[in-house]
Amino acid sequence: MTGDLASARALPGRPPDLTTIPKTGCVFRERCAFATDVCTDSEPQLEEFRSGHRRACHADVALVRSAPATPKGDAS
């Protein structure tokens, strides 16, 4: 891999069950090392954070970029 794909991170755990997706909040909050209370209450909006790149996350971009590739407590 090259460029941005080389730094992409997989979320630990299983993908959300599409039959039980919560009505509010972020569907990835149970798997995300950066989830906070706002993730339970509010669905993040899709936003462009760099030319040609969009994301939907309440976490600060700088915080996510500076975090280790494997979140604390992840045994994988």
PDB file of N, CA and C in Angstrom:
ATOM      1  N   MET A   1       0.833  -1.190   0.000  1.00  0.00           N
ATOM      2  CA  MET A   1       0.000   0.000   0.000  1.00  0.00           C
ATOM      3  C   MET A   1       0.869   1.242   0.000  1.00  0.00           C
ATOM      4  N   THR A   2       0.334   2.280  -0.568  1.00  0.00           N
ATOM      5  CA  THR A   2       1.076   3.538  -0.584  1.00  0.00           C
ATOM      6  C   THR A   2       0.179   4.673  -0.145  1.00  0.00           C
ATOM      7  N   GLY A   3       0.790   5.784   0.179  1.00  0.00           N
ATOM      8  CA  GLY A   3       0.024   6.986   0.516  1.00  0.00           C
ATOM      9  C   GLY A   3      -0.888   6.795   1.698  1.00  0.00           C
ATOM     10  N   ASP A   4      -2.081   7.420   1.618  1.00  0.00           N
ATOM     11  CA  ASP A   4      -3.021   7.410   2.734  1.00  0.00           C
ATOM     12  C   ASP A   4      -3.543   6.017   3.067  1.00  0.00           C
ATOM     13  N   LEU A   5      -3.611   5.124   2.095  1.00  0.00           N
ATOM     14  CA  LEU A   5      -4.112   3.783   2.373  1.00  0.00           C
ATOM     15  C   LEU A   5      -3.211   3.036   3.338  1.00  0.00           C
ATOM     16  N   ALA A   6      -1.924   3.320   3.320  1.00  0.00           N
ATOM     17  CA  ALA A   6      -0.992   2.657   4.219  1.00  0.00           C
ATOM     18  C   ALA A   6      -1.262   3.007   5.670  1.00  0.00           C
ATOM     19  N   SER A   7      -1.837   4.188   5.933  1.00  0.00           N
ATOM     20  CA  SER A   7      -2.099   4.597   7.306  1.00  0.00           C
ATOM     21  C   SER A   7      -3.542   4.341   7.734  1.00  0.00           C
ATOM     22  N   ALA A   8      -4.347   3.737   6.865  1.00  0.00           N
ATOM     23  CA  ALA A   8      -5.740   3.450   7.208  1.00  0.00           C
ATOM     24  C   ALA A   8      -5.790   2.437   8.346  1.00  0.00           C
ATOM     25  N   ARG A   9      -6.795   2.582   9.201  1.00  0.00           N
ATOM     26  CA  ARG A   9      -6.917   1.700  10.359  1.00  0.00           C
ATOM     27  C   ARG A   9      -8.254   0.975  10.321  1.00  0.00           C
ATOM     28  N   ALA A  10      -8.220  -0.276  10.684  1.00  0.00           N
ATOM     29  CA  ALA A  10      -9.457  -1.040  10.806  1.00  0.00           C
ATOM     30  C   ALA A  10      -9.985  -0.870  12.226  1.00  0.00           C
ATOM     31  N   LEU A  11     -11.283  -0.777  12.367  1.00  0.00           N
ATOM     32  CA  LEU A  11     -11.881  -0.742  13.701  1.00  0.00           C
ATOM     33  C   LEU A  11     -11.901  -2.151  14.253  1.00  0.00           C
ATOM     34  N   PRO A  12     -11.557  -2.321  15.518  1.00  0.00           N
ATOM     35  CA  PRO A  12     -11.622  -3.661  16.101  1.00  0.00           C
ATOM     36  C   PRO A  12     -13.077  -4.109  16.243  1.00  0.00           C
ATOM     37  N   GLY A  13     -13.275  -5.382  16.359  1.00  0.00           N
ATOM     38  CA  GLY A  13     -14.626  -5.908  16.577  1.00  0.00           C
ATOM     39  C   GLY A  13     -15.355  -6.184  15.281  1.00  0.00           C
ATOM     40  N   ARG A  14     -16.630  -6.481  15.422  1.00  0.00           N
ATOM     41  CA  ARG A  14     -17.464  -6.824  14.276  1.00  0.00           C
ATOM     42  C   ARG A  14     -18.211  -5.595  13.766  1.00  0.00           C
ATOM     43  N   PRO A  15     -18.536  -5.584  12.470  1.00  0.00           N
ATOM     44  CA  PRO A  15     -19.349  -4.482  11.939  1.00  0.00           C
ATOM     45  C   PRO A  15     -20.709  -4.447  12.620  1.00  0.00           C
ATOM     46  N   PRO A  16     -21.371  -3.299  12.630  1.00  0.00           N
ATOM     47  CA  PRO A  16     -22.684  -3.211  13.265  1.00  0.00           C
ATOM     48  C   PRO A  16     -23.691  -4.146  12.585  1.00  0.00           C
ATOM     49  N   ASP A  17     -24.573  -4.732  13.377  1.00  0.00           N
ATOM     50  CA  ASP A  17     -25.659  -5.560  12.856  1.00  0.00           C
ATOM     51  C   ASP A  17     -26.675  -4.624  12.214  1.00  0.00           C
ATOM     52  N   LEU A  18     -26.871  -4.745  10.916  1.00  0.00           N
ATOM     53  CA  LEU A  18     -27.746  -3.817  10.197  1.00  0.00           C
ATOM     54  C   LEU A  18     -29.201  -3.906  10.631  1.00  0.00           C
ATOM     55  N   THR A  19     -29.572  -4.982  11.304  1.00  0.00           N
ATOM     56  CA  THR A  19     -30.958  -5.104  11.776  1.00  0.00           C
ATOM     57  C   THR A  19     -31.175  -4.435  13.123  1.00  0.00           C
ATOM     58  N   THR A  20     -30.086  -4.048  13.788  1.00  0.00           N
ATOM     59  CA  THR A  20     -30.211  -3.428  15.115  1.00  0.00           C
ATOM     60  C   THR A  20     -29.468  -2.101  15.220  1.00  0.00           C
ATOM     61  N   ILE A  21     -29.295  -1.410  14.115  1.00  0.00           N
ATOM     62  CA  ILE A  21     -28.604  -0.117  14.149  1.00  0.00           C
ATOM     63  C   ILE A  21     -29.421   0.854  14.999  1.00  0.00           C
ATOM     64  N   PRO A  22     -28.766   1.537  15.942  1.00  0.00           N
ATOM     65  CA  PRO A  22     -29.493   2.478  16.794  1.00  0.00           C
ATOM     66  C   PRO A  22     -30.107   3.625  15.990  1.00  0.00           C
ATOM     67  N   LYS A  23     -31.205   4.162  16.499  1.00  0.00           N
ATOM     68  CA  LYS A  23     -31.907   5.264  15.827  1.00  0.00           C
ATOM     69  C   LYS A  23     -31.163   6.598  15.964  1.00  0.00           C
ATOM     70  N   THR A  24     -30.343   6.722  16.996  1.00  0.00           N
ATOM     71  CA  THR A  24     -29.580   7.953  17.206  1.00  0.00           C
ATOM     72  C   THR A  24     -28.109   7.619  17.412  1.00  0.00           C
ATOM     73  N   GLY A  25     -27.277   8.584  17.165  1.00  0.00           N
ATOM     74  CA  GLY A  25     -25.851   8.435  17.425  1.00  0.00           C
ATOM     75  C   GLY A  25     -25.089   7.760  16.298  1.00  0.00           C
ATOM     76  N   CYS A  26     -23.818   7.579  16.533  1.00  0.00           N
ATOM     77  CA  CYS A  26     -22.916   6.969  15.567  1.00  0.00           C
ATOM     78  C   CYS A  26     -22.998   5.447  15.655  1.00  0.00           C
ATOM     79  N   VAL A  27     -23.143   4.796  14.518  1.00  0.00           N
ATOM     80  CA  VAL A  27     -23.269   3.332  14.508  1.00  0.00           C
ATOM     81  C   VAL A  27     -21.961   2.636  14.870  1.00  0.00           C
ATOM     82  N   PHE A  28     -20.851   3.329  14.848  1.00  0.00           N
ATOM     83  CA  PHE A  28     -19.553   2.729  15.167  1.00  0.00           C
ATOM     84  C   PHE A  28     -19.117   2.988  16.609  1.00  0.00           C
ATOM     85  N   ARG A  29     -19.928   3.646  17.415  1.00  0.00           N
ATOM     86  CA  ARG A  29     -19.504   4.066  18.755  1.00  0.00           C
ATOM     87  C   ARG A  29     -19.087   2.912  19.663  1.00  0.00           C
ATOM     88  N   GLU A  30     -19.670   1.737  19.492  1.00  0.00           N
ATOM     89  CA  GLU A  30     -19.303   0.596  20.342  1.00  0.00           C
ATOM     90  C   GLU A  30     -17.921   0.051  20.004  1.00  0.00           C
ATOM     91  N   ARG A  31     -17.438   0.317  18.799  1.00  0.00           N
ATOM     92  CA  ARG A  31     -16.154  -0.209  18.339  1.00  0.00           C
ATOM     93  C   ARG A  31     -15.054   0.840  18.324  1.00  0.00           C
ATOM     94  N   CYS A  32     -15.389   2.079  18.546  1.00  0.00           N
ATOM     95  CA  CYS A  32     -14.446   3.185  18.349  1.00  0.00           C
ATOM     96  C   CYS A  32     -13.711   3.573  19.625  1.00  0.00           C
ATOM     97  N   ALA A  33     -12.404   3.661  19.527  1.00  0.00           N
ATOM     98  CA  ALA A  33     -11.582   4.051  20.681  1.00  0.00           C
ATOM     99  C   ALA A  33     -11.741   5.534  21.021  1.00  0.00           C
ATOM    100  N   PHE A  34     -12.341   6.319  20.127  1.00  0.00           N
ATOM    101  CA  PHE A  34     -12.482   7.754  20.329  1.00  0.00           C
ATOM    102  C   PHE A  34     -13.905   8.166  20.692  1.00  0.00           C
ATOM    103  N   ALA A  35     -14.802   7.218  20.876  1.00  0.00           N
ATOM    104  CA  ALA A  35     -16.209   7.522  21.156  1.00  0.00           C
ATOM    105  C   ALA A  35     -16.364   8.253  22.492  1.00  0.00           C
ATOM    106  N   THR A  36     -17.275   9.236  22.490  1.00  0.00           N
ATOM    107  CA  THR A  36     -17.612   9.997  23.690  1.00  0.00           C
ATOM    108  C   THR A  36     -19.134  10.045  23.806  1.00  0.00           C
ATOM    109  N   ASP A  37     -19.638  10.751  24.791  1.00  0.00           N
ATOM    110  CA  ASP A  37     -21.083  10.853  24.992  1.00  0.00           C
ATOM    111  C   ASP A  37     -21.804  11.420  23.773  1.00  0.00           C
ATOM    112  N   VAL A  38     -21.178  12.352  23.070  1.00  0.00           N
ATOM    113  CA  VAL A  38     -21.828  12.952  21.901  1.00  0.00           C
ATOM    114  C   VAL A  38     -22.082  11.890  20.823  1.00  0.00           C
ATOM    115  N   CYS A  39     -21.270  10.863  20.783  1.00  0.00           N
ATOM    116  CA  CYS A  39     -21.443   9.796  19.789  1.00  0.00           C
ATOM    117  C   CYS A  39     -22.712   8.990  20.048  1.00  0.00           C
ATOM    118  N   THR A  40     -23.161   8.947  21.285  1.00  0.00           N
ATOM    119  CA  THR A  40     -24.401   8.259  21.631  1.00  0.00           C
ATOM    120  C   THR A  40     -25.615   9.097  21.272  1.00  0.00           C
ATOM    121  N   ASP A  41     -25.487  10.409  21.400  1.00  0.00           N
ATOM    122  CA  ASP A  41     -26.621  11.317  21.220  1.00  0.00           C
ATOM    123  C   ASP A  41     -26.802  11.868  19.818  1.00  0.00           C
ATOM    124  N   SER A  42     -25.733  11.931  19.038  1.00  0.00           N
ATOM    125  CA  SER A  42     -25.791  12.643  17.765  1.00  0.00           C
ATOM    126  C   SER A  42     -25.045  11.887  16.668  1.00  0.00           C
ATOM    127  N   GLU A  43     -25.703  11.710  15.526  1.00  0.00           N
ATOM    128  CA  GLU A  43     -25.050  11.081  14.378  1.00  0.00           C
ATOM    129  C   GLU A  43     -24.096  12.092  13.743  1.00  0.00           C
ATOM    130  N   PRO A  44     -22.835  11.707  13.514  1.00  0.00           N
ATOM    131  CA  PRO A  44     -21.908  12.654  12.891  1.00  0.00           C
ATOM    132  C   PRO A  44     -22.280  12.904  11.431  1.00  0.00           C
ATOM    133  N   GLN A  45     -22.063  14.121  10.983  1.00  0.00           N
ATOM    134  CA  GLN A  45     -22.370  14.501   9.608  1.00  0.00           C
ATOM    135  C   GLN A  45     -21.132  14.310   8.730  1.00  0.00           C
ATOM    136  N   LEU A  46     -21.356  13.910   7.497  1.00  0.00           N
ATOM    137  CA  LEU A  46     -20.265  13.742   6.549  1.00  0.00           C
ATOM    138  C   LEU A  46     -19.668  15.105   6.229  1.00  0.00           C
ATOM    139  N   GLU A  47     -18.339  15.218   6.337  1.00  0.00           N
ATOM    140  CA  GLU A  47     -17.654  16.479   6.083  1.00  0.00           C
ATOM    141  C   GLU A  47     -16.354  16.224   5.337  1.00  0.00           C
ATOM    142  N   GLU A  48     -15.959  17.177   4.527  1.00  0.00           N
ATOM    143  CA  GLU A  48     -14.669  17.083   3.853  1.00  0.00           C
ATOM    144  C   GLU A  48     -13.611  17.586   4.828  1.00  0.00           C
ATOM    145  N   PHE A  49     -12.606  16.755   5.095  1.00  0.00           N
ATOM    146  CA  PHE A  49     -11.564  17.181   6.028  1.00  0.00           C
ATOM    147  C   PHE A  49     -10.232  17.409   5.321  1.00  0.00           C
ATOM    148  N   ARG A  50     -10.170  16.991   4.075  1.00  0.00           N
ATOM    149  CA  ARG A  50      -9.003  17.221   3.239  1.00  0.00           C
ATOM    150  C   ARG A  50      -9.495  17.090   1.803  1.00  0.00           C
ATOM    151  N   SER A  51      -8.892  17.754   0.892  1.00  0.00           N
ATOM    152  CA  SER A  51      -9.355  17.741  -0.494  1.00  0.00           C
ATOM    153  C   SER A  51      -9.558  16.313  -0.996  1.00  0.00           C
ATOM    154  N   GLY A  52     -10.797  15.998  -1.365  1.00  0.00           N
ATOM    155  CA  GLY A  52     -11.115  14.677  -1.891  1.00  0.00           C
ATOM    156  C   GLY A  52     -11.343  13.605  -0.837  1.00  0.00           C
ATOM    157  N   HIS A  53     -11.283  13.961   0.450  1.00  0.00           N
ATOM    158  CA  HIS A  53     -11.456  12.991   1.532  1.00  0.00           C
ATOM    159  C   HIS A  53     -12.552  13.477   2.478  1.00  0.00           C
ATOM    160  N   ARG A  54     -13.521  12.602   2.729  1.00  0.00           N
ATOM    161  CA  ARG A  54     -14.607  12.960   3.644  1.00  0.00           C
ATOM    162  C   ARG A  54     -14.668  11.948   4.780  1.00  0.00           C
ATOM    163  N   ARG A  55     -15.253  12.387   5.875  1.00  0.00           N
ATOM    164  CA  ARG A  55     -15.421  11.518   7.040  1.00  0.00           C
ATOM    165  C   ARG A  55     -16.669  11.937   7.792  1.00  0.00           C
ATOM    166  N   ALA A  56     -17.166  11.052   8.616  1.00  0.00           N
ATOM    167  CA  ALA A  56     -18.290  11.349   9.497  1.00  0.00           C
ATOM    168  C   ALA A  56     -17.873  10.868  10.884  1.00  0.00           C
ATOM    169  N   CYS A  57     -17.351  11.798  11.683  1.00  0.00           N
ATOM    170  CA  CYS A  57     -16.836  11.447  13.008  1.00  0.00           C
ATOM    171  C   CYS A  57     -16.829  12.698  13.874  1.00  0.00           C
ATOM    172  N   HIS A  58     -17.194  12.526  15.155  1.00  0.00           N
ATOM    173  CA  HIS A  58     -17.161  13.650  16.094  1.00  0.00           C
ATOM    174  C   HIS A  58     -15.746  13.907  16.614  1.00  0.00           C
ATOM    175  N   ALA A  59     -14.871  12.904  16.552  1.00  0.00           N
ATOM    176  CA  ALA A  59     -13.512  13.044  17.085  1.00  0.00           C
ATOM    177  C   ALA A  59     -12.708  14.035  16.253  1.00  0.00           C
ATOM    178  N   ASP A  60     -11.842  14.764  16.911  1.00  0.00           N
ATOM    179  CA  ASP A  60     -10.969  15.722  16.247  1.00  0.00           C
ATOM    180  C   ASP A  60     -10.002  14.976  15.324  1.00  0.00           C
ATOM    181  N   VAL A  61      -9.848  15.450  14.112  1.00  0.00           N
ATOM    182  CA  VAL A  61      -8.982  14.802  13.124  1.00  0.00           C
ATOM    183  C   VAL A  61      -7.553  14.652  13.647  1.00  0.00           C
ATOM    184  N   ALA A  62      -7.013  15.678  14.289  1.00  0.00           N
ATOM    185  CA  ALA A  62      -5.643  15.626  14.802  1.00  0.00           C
ATOM    186  C   ALA A  62      -5.496  14.550  15.873  1.00  0.00           C
ATOM    187  N   LEU A  63      -6.506  14.373  16.710  1.00  0.00           N
ATOM    188  CA  LEU A  63      -6.471  13.348  17.750  1.00  0.00           C
ATOM    189  C   LEU A  63      -6.410  11.962  17.127  1.00  0.00           C
ATOM    190  N   VAL A  64      -7.231  11.723  16.136  1.00  0.00           N
ATOM    191  CA  VAL A  64      -7.276  10.412  15.490  1.00  0.00           C
ATOM    192  C   VAL A  64      -5.960  10.123  14.775  1.00  0.00           C
ATOM    193  N   ARG A  65      -5.406  11.103  14.093  1.00  0.00           N
ATOM    194  CA  ARG A  65      -4.143  10.901  13.364  1.00  0.00           C
ATOM    195  C   ARG A  65      -2.975  10.621  14.295  1.00  0.00           C
ATOM    196  N   SER A  66      -2.996  11.185  15.503  1.00  0.00           N
ATOM    197  CA  SER A  66      -1.865  11.026  16.412  1.00  0.00           C
ATOM    198  C   SER A  66      -1.961   9.778  17.286  1.00  0.00           C
ATOM    199  N   ALA A  67      -3.082   9.082  17.233  1.00  0.00           N
ATOM    200  CA  ALA A  67      -3.285   7.895  18.074  1.00  0.00           C
ATOM    201  C   ALA A  67      -2.506   6.702  17.532  1.00  0.00           C
ATOM    202  N   PRO A  68      -2.160   5.763  18.410  1.00  0.00           N
ATOM    203  CA  PRO A  68      -1.479   4.557  17.941  1.00  0.00           C
ATOM    204  C   PRO A  68      -2.383   3.762  16.992  1.00  0.00           C
ATOM    205  N   ALA A  69      -1.787   2.984  16.125  1.00  0.00           N
ATOM    206  CA  ALA A  69      -2.552   2.206  15.140  1.00  0.00           C
ATOM    207  C   ALA A  69      -3.463   1.193  15.804  1.00  0.00           C
ATOM    208  N   THR A  70      -3.068   0.646  16.932  1.00  0.00           N
ATOM    209  CA  THR A  70      -3.899  -0.303  17.668  1.00  0.00           C
ATOM    210  C   THR A  70      -4.338   0.359  18.971  1.00  0.00           C
ATOM    211  N   PRO A  71      -5.646   0.578  19.159  1.00  0.00           N
ATOM    212  CA  PRO A  71      -6.120   1.208  20.385  1.00  0.00           C
ATOM    213  C   PRO A  71      -5.755   0.401  21.620  1.00  0.00           C
ATOM    214  N   LYS A  72      -5.604   1.094  22.744  1.00  0.00           N
ATOM    215  CA  LYS A  72      -5.331   0.417  24.016  1.00  0.00           C
ATOM    216  C   LYS A  72      -6.382  -0.621  24.287  1.00  0.00           C
ATOM    217  N   GLY A  73      -5.957  -1.768  24.800  1.00  0.00           N
ATOM    218  CA  GLY A  73      -6.910  -2.817  25.165  1.00  0.00           C
ATOM    219  C   GLY A  73      -7.284  -3.720  24.021  1.00  0.00           C
ATOM    220  N   ASP A  74      -6.810  -3.450  22.821  1.00  0.00           N
ATOM    221  CA  ASP A  74      -7.141  -4.301  21.673  1.00  0.00           C
ATOM    222  C   ASP A  74      -6.097  -5.388  21.579  1.00  0.00           C
ATOM    223  N   ALA A  75      -6.524  -6.607  21.697  1.00  0.00           N
ATOM    224  CA  ALA A  75      -5.595  -7.726  21.706  1.00  0.00           C
ATOM    225  C   ALA A  75      -5.237  -8.216  20.313  1.00  0.00           C
ATOM    226  N   SER A  76      -5.874  -7.693  19.270  1.00  0.00           N
ATOM    227  CA  SER A  76      -5.591  -8.207  17.930  1.00  0.00           C
ATOM    228  C   SER A  76      -4.294  -7.697  17.364  1.00  0.00           C
TER     229      SER A  76
END
